[in-house]
Amino acid sequence: MADPLPFGLVYDPRFLLHDTGMIHAALPDGSALEAAEHPSSARIIRRIHALLVGSGLADRLTPIPSREATREEILAFHTPEYLNRLEALSRAGAGDAGESAPVSPGSWEAALLASGSTIAAIDAVLDGPAPRAYVLARPPGHHAVASMGMGYCLLNNVAIAILHARQRGVPRVLILDWDVHHGNGTQAAFYDDPSVLFISLHQEDWYPIGMGGLDQRGAGAGIGATVNVPLPAGTGDRGYAAVMDRIVAPVARRFQPDLIVVSAGQDASMMDPLGRMLVSMAGFRAMGRRVRALADELCGGRLLLVQEGGYSEVYTPFSTLGALEGASGLITGTADPYLDQSELARAEVVFTHDTEQAIEAAERVHIHSA
């Protein structure tokens, strides 16, 4: 078997400047519950990076330098009014950039770096030194719409980077969003664009409510280029593997992309506090392996993964390592810390009637009626 293609990594400790702070709860007696860390904590990204280093994977990846996005690059998607407001909020030291999108003094710099580094990774994939890459970015982006942040996201890193790729002459881009939440901002960015295929695998009607239904298939010339696959809670490893084989692969082959970009939120994991999907480290490795095979088959291996959600401080690092092992073909031998627990066994074997029904419904819409 041929050696794996070179795989790039973008990481900058300045991503951690985005501080979502603490959650405070007042009690009826006038006291306050002990403050808890925000779910979208910088600690999680720091732990992912530490695991990549400690597992030995980071040493086998090609470093890609980070950079800040320019205003012109960001304005390809976001409005000037929003960009100005986001910068002002960060300079002021606090605020909300829209809906559940907290801002801190370091958020502006981190957001520029996250978007710019995703663009840098696109360029590395297109030009070398690595036809595949991963951006360990913070803050995430797939909920952010043109005029505001949403769901812990400030700038839509993937949308901005794909618009850059299109400007560079890439004809057709496939976005696979496997975050447990629907990527509403990315969907909105390309809803009427037939040259960008958006596929979202997400927990049904989870966040944002009302987004990601089977009926949302694009508009105008873009009808059919939005492929939503809403899934029931507890879908697990086997369910996600079935979706990759029965929905993602045939739709991707029909589309014939020149580049594949994954919005890689590992919050579908079995340990995530904001999702109920039961995917294990092995399940994410299998998904990474499948998307790598599609990239090899369809677009010369050109593949970019960009960090989105993932809120289990304990398990998100291992889920992310699994996804990267599969996507890169570089296996570290790092064990899942929950190998001996019954929950892991359940996550790997569960395949419910509800999951089968959901996949069949998606097949009727996206495969058989196309």
Foldseek 3Di string as FASTA:
>chain_A
DDAFFAEEEEDDCLLQLWAPAWDWAADPVGHTDPIHGDLPHSLQLVVLVVCCVVLVVVVRHHYFYWDFADPVLLVVFAPPVLLVVLQVQLCVAWDFFAESAIGGVSRNVQLRRQLRRLLSVLCCLVPDPTVHYEYSGPPAALQAARYTDYDNHGGHNVLSNVVVVVVVPFQAEEEEEEAQEDSVRNCVSCQAPCRYAYEYEHAPCQPPGPPQDQVSQGDHNRRLSYAGQHFHFQQFLVLVLCCLVQPVLVLCVVNLGQAYEYADALCLDCQHPRGRHHYALQSLLSVLQSVQVSCVVRHVSRYYYYYHHDRDSPGSSSNVVSNCCNNRVPDSPDDGPCPPPVSNVSRHPDHDPRSVVSSVVSCVRNPVVD
